[in-house]
Protein backbone atom coordinates (compact mmCIF):
# COMPACT_ATOMS: atom_id res chain seq x y z
CA MET A 1 72.66 -11.68 17.71
CA LYS A 2 68.83 -10.87 17.00
CA VAL A 3 67.38 -7.14 17.08
CA ALA A 4 65.75 -8.30 20.76
CA ALA A 5 68.19 -9.54 22.40
CA VAL A 6 69.74 -5.99 22.62
CA LEU A 7 66.95 -4.04 22.09
CA SER A 8 66.02 -5.60 26.15
CA CYS A 9 70.37 -5.83 26.45
CA LEU A 10 69.99 -1.95 26.57
CA PHE A 11 66.37 -1.73 28.01
CA MET A 12 68.02 -2.86 31.68
CA THR A 13 70.97 -1.71 31.70
CA LEU A 14 69.27 2.39 30.85
CA ALA A 15 67.37 1.12 33.78
CA THR A 16 70.10 0.39 36.26
CA ASN A 17 71.87 3.93 34.49
CA SER A 18 68.29 6.08 34.79
CA VAL A 19 67.18 5.06 38.13
CA ALA A 20 71.06 6.02 39.97
CA ARG A 21 71.25 8.93 38.66
CA GLU A 22 67.14 10.45 39.38
CA ILE A 23 67.61 12.53 42.55
CA ASP A 24 64.64 14.08 44.77
CA SER A 25 63.40 16.11 44.17
CA TYR A 26 62.65 18.69 40.72
CA ILE A 27 61.24 21.71 39.02
CA TYR A 28 60.27 21.61 35.80
CA ARG A 29 58.38 24.21 34.12
CA HIS A 30 56.09 22.88 30.76
CA PHE A 31 53.79 25.48 29.21
CA GLY A 32 54.30 27.58 31.71
CA VAL A 33 52.95 25.65 34.19
CA VAL A 34 55.56 24.89 37.26
CA GLY A 35 55.78 20.65 38.19
CA MET A 36 56.88 18.93 41.77
CA GLU A 37 58.96 15.83 41.02
CA LYS A 38 56.75 13.76 43.56
CA ARG A 39 57.12 10.00 44.60
CA ILE A 40 53.86 8.01 44.84
CA GLY A 41 55.18 4.21 45.95
CA SER A 42 56.56 0.88 42.85
CA GLY A 43 53.38 0.46 41.51
CA GLY A 44 51.66 3.58 42.42
CA VAL A 45 51.18 4.29 38.86
CA SER A 46 49.68 0.52 37.60
CA ARG A 47 49.15 1.43 33.65
CA TRP A 48 52.93 2.34 33.83
CA ASP A 49 54.58 0.06 35.35
CA ARG A 50 53.13 -2.79 33.52
CA ILE A 51 54.58 -1.26 30.78
CA PHE A 52 58.20 -1.44 31.51
CA ARG A 53 57.68 -5.06 32.58
CA ASN A 54 55.99 -6.41 29.85
CA HIS A 55 58.43 -4.35 27.25
CA SER A 56 61.09 -5.84 28.78
CA GLN A 57 59.31 -9.42 29.07
CA ASN A 58 57.81 -8.96 24.73
CA LEU A 59 62.09 -7.78 24.10
CA GLN A 60 63.43 -11.05 25.42
CA GLY A 61 61.45 -13.29 24.34
CA GLN A 62 61.06 -11.75 20.77
CA GLN A 63 63.50 -14.43 19.64
CA ASN A 64 61.95 -13.28 15.73
CA CYS A 65 59.77 -11.71 14.11
CA LEU A 66 57.81 -11.17 10.58
CA ALA A 67 60.17 -9.12 8.62
CA GLN A 68 57.21 -7.40 7.39
CA SER A 69 54.59 -6.57 10.48
CA ALA A 70 56.02 -2.63 12.27
CA TRP A 71 56.75 -4.54 15.13
CA CYS A 72 59.91 -5.91 13.88
CA ARG A 73 60.05 -3.45 11.14
CA TRP A 74 59.95 -0.39 14.54
CA GLN A 75 63.08 -3.44 16.03
CA GLN A 76 64.40 -2.43 13.13
CA LEU A 77 63.73 0.48 12.14
CA LEU A 78 66.21 1.61 16.16
CA SER A 79 68.41 -0.60 14.45
CA SER A 80 69.89 1.83 12.26
CA LEU A 81 68.85 5.19 14.27
CA ARG A 82 72.30 3.69 16.33
CA GLY A 83 74.58 6.40 17.08
CA LYS A 84 72.72 9.86 14.84
CA GLU A 85 71.73 12.02 15.79
CA LYS A 86 69.48 13.05 18.55
CA SER A 87 67.30 15.65 15.72
CA GLU A 88 67.83 12.36 13.33
CA GLN A 89 66.11 9.94 15.21
CA MET A 90 63.46 13.06 16.61
CA SER A 91 62.18 12.90 13.92
CA ALA A 92 62.51 9.59 12.01
CA VAL A 93 60.73 7.75 15.42
CA ASN A 94 58.46 10.81 14.60
CA GLN A 95 56.93 9.12 11.00
CA PHE A 96 57.66 5.91 12.12
CA VAL A 97 55.38 6.03 14.77
CA THR A 98 52.73 8.45 13.94
CA THR A 99 51.79 6.73 11.25
CA VAL A 100 50.74 3.20 12.66
CA ARG A 101 46.84 3.37 12.64
CA PHE A 102 44.61 5.20 15.34
CA ILE A 103 42.01 4.32 17.61
CA SER A 104 40.07 4.61 21.09
CA ASP A 105 41.07 1.62 23.97
CA GLN A 106 37.14 1.27 23.76
CA ASN A 107 37.13 -0.16 19.79
CA ASN A 108 40.09 -2.15 20.80
CA TYR A 109 40.20 -2.61 24.22
CA GLY A 110 36.86 -3.15 24.95
CA MET A 111 37.27 -0.46 27.38
CA LYS A 112 37.53 3.21 28.37
CA ASP A 113 41.37 3.26 28.53
CA TYR A 114 44.14 1.29 28.30
CA TRP A 115 47.20 2.12 27.82
CA ALA A 116 49.24 -0.21 25.45
CA THR A 117 53.02 -1.96 25.09
CA PRO A 118 55.20 -0.81 21.33
CA ARG A 119 54.14 -4.92 20.94
CA GLU A 120 50.14 -3.93 21.87
CA PHE A 121 50.88 -0.03 19.26
CA PHE A 122 51.90 -1.69 16.08
CA ARG A 123 50.26 -5.10 15.70
CA ARG A 124 46.67 -3.26 16.65
CA GLY A 125 47.08 0.58 16.96
CA GLY A 126 45.63 2.84 20.09
CA ASP A 127 45.08 6.01 20.91
CA CYS A 128 47.31 9.40 21.94
CA GLU A 129 49.01 7.74 25.18
CA ASP A 130 49.67 4.71 22.97
CA PHE A 131 51.94 7.04 20.33
CA ALA A 132 53.63 8.60 23.25
CA ILE A 133 54.79 5.92 25.06
CA ALA A 134 55.90 4.39 21.84
CA LYS A 135 57.56 7.07 20.71
CA TYR A 136 59.37 7.69 24.36
CA LEU A 137 59.94 3.66 24.95
CA SER A 138 61.66 4.28 21.23
CA LEU A 139 64.22 7.28 22.27
CA LEU A 140 64.57 5.89 25.27
CA HIS A 141 65.95 2.57 23.58
CA LEU A 142 68.38 4.17 21.37
CA GLY A 143 70.19 5.99 24.56
CA TRP A 144 68.27 8.94 25.41
CA ARG A 145 68.65 10.44 29.14
CA ALA A 146 65.60 9.69 30.86
CA GLN A 147 65.55 12.74 32.64
CA ASP A 148 64.88 14.53 29.13
CA LEU A 149 61.78 12.51 28.12
CA ARG A 150 58.31 13.42 29.37
CA LEU A 151 55.45 11.58 28.80
CA LEU A 152 52.47 14.86 29.12
CA VAL A 153 49.00 14.89 30.49
CA GLY A 154 46.38 16.62 29.80
CA TYR A 155 43.13 18.84 28.30
CA ASP A 156 43.63 20.45 24.82
CA MET A 157 41.85 23.06 24.55
CA ARG A 158 42.27 22.52 20.52
CA GLU A 159 40.33 18.98 20.83
CA ALA A 160 38.27 19.88 24.56
CA SER A 161 38.82 16.46 24.95
CA ASP A 162 41.98 14.28 27.30
CA HIS A 163 45.50 14.02 25.56
CA ALA A 164 48.58 12.44 26.36
CA LEU A 165 51.64 13.83 23.97
CA LEU A 166 55.76 13.39 24.55
CA LEU A 167 58.25 15.87 25.33
CA ALA A 168 61.92 15.58 24.50
CA ARG A 169 64.68 17.21 24.72
CA VAL A 170 67.48 18.62 22.58
CA LYS A 171 70.19 20.69 23.70
CA GLY A 172 68.94 22.22 26.63
CA ARG A 173 65.15 22.99 24.64
CA TRP A 174 61.60 20.57 24.44
CA TYR A 175 59.98 19.73 21.53
CA VAL A 176 55.90 18.07 21.02
CA LEU A 177 55.97 14.54 19.30
CA ASP A 178 52.58 14.55 18.89
CA ASN A 179 50.17 11.78 17.10
CA LEU A 180 47.44 14.36 15.93
CA THR A 181 50.38 15.82 13.77
CA ASN A 182 53.75 14.99 11.98
CA LYS A 183 55.27 17.79 12.34
CA ILE A 184 57.52 18.41 15.09
CA ALA A 185 56.56 22.09 17.71
CA MET A 186 58.90 23.24 19.70
CA GLN A 187 57.01 23.79 22.81
CA ARG A 188 56.06 27.09 23.58
CA GLU A 189 54.94 27.05 20.10
CA ARG A 190 52.56 24.09 20.69
CA GLY A 191 50.44 25.91 22.87
CA GLN A 192 46.30 25.51 23.89
CA PHE A 193 47.29 22.32 26.61
CA THR A 194 47.03 22.20 30.16
CA PRO A 195 49.39 19.17 31.94
CA TYR A 196 47.82 17.49 34.84
CA TYR A 197 50.73 15.60 35.76
CA ALA A 198 54.20 14.40 33.53
CA LEU A 199 55.46 10.43 33.87
CA SER A 200 59.44 10.24 33.52
CA TYR A 201 60.97 6.28 33.60
CA ARG A 202 59.69 4.86 36.65
CA SER A 203 56.75 3.99 38.10
CA VAL A 204 57.43 5.11 41.25
CA VAL A 205 57.72 8.92 40.02
CA TRP A 206 56.08 11.55 38.60
CA TRP A 207 55.28 15.38 38.51
CA ASP A 208 51.78 16.25 38.87
CA TYR A 209 51.61 19.92 37.38
CA ARG A 210 47.65 20.88 39.24
CA GLU A 211 48.70 21.02 42.63
CA HIS A 212 51.31 23.78 41.32
CA LYS A 213 50.03 26.04 38.73
């Protein structure tokens, strides 16, 4: 079976299992700010919903890929990492994704903000949220639980701009995967970041930090 077909099958299985496992309300604490899970209705975060829908279609429709393309090498990487320790998976995914070219959405797509699927990202490069999305979906494909991953959007005081990064939880500890560095840091080491909201697996759920400061 082709790697893409295996990933597509796994992706849909994880979708079903993740939805079944999730409960209605959580309170999490990231970067010293409390966040409350909120349901906002299907399509409430349309860009996030589009990512999962289009990414699944890309995998289902991908029969063959060019061996040297980043899109194909990404699929091969995930296949090679299956069954490895989480720390090894996290490190390898972070190293691979962070090598992709950074380019602003304005220069790449002619618009202020565009969230790319991994296929688009590996072909055209992307900005901070595209790196975070690619890492998020990589770990999800590798069997990570949805509740152990957060795509976090907020304000980076060091860069004086809005920024997106990935939080990943291993053995009860949250780690930061950030395109600004190849180093994976524990959450408490990152600092100087104020969260706006965090997204989990489903488009209908988000963690709003702004109302609970």
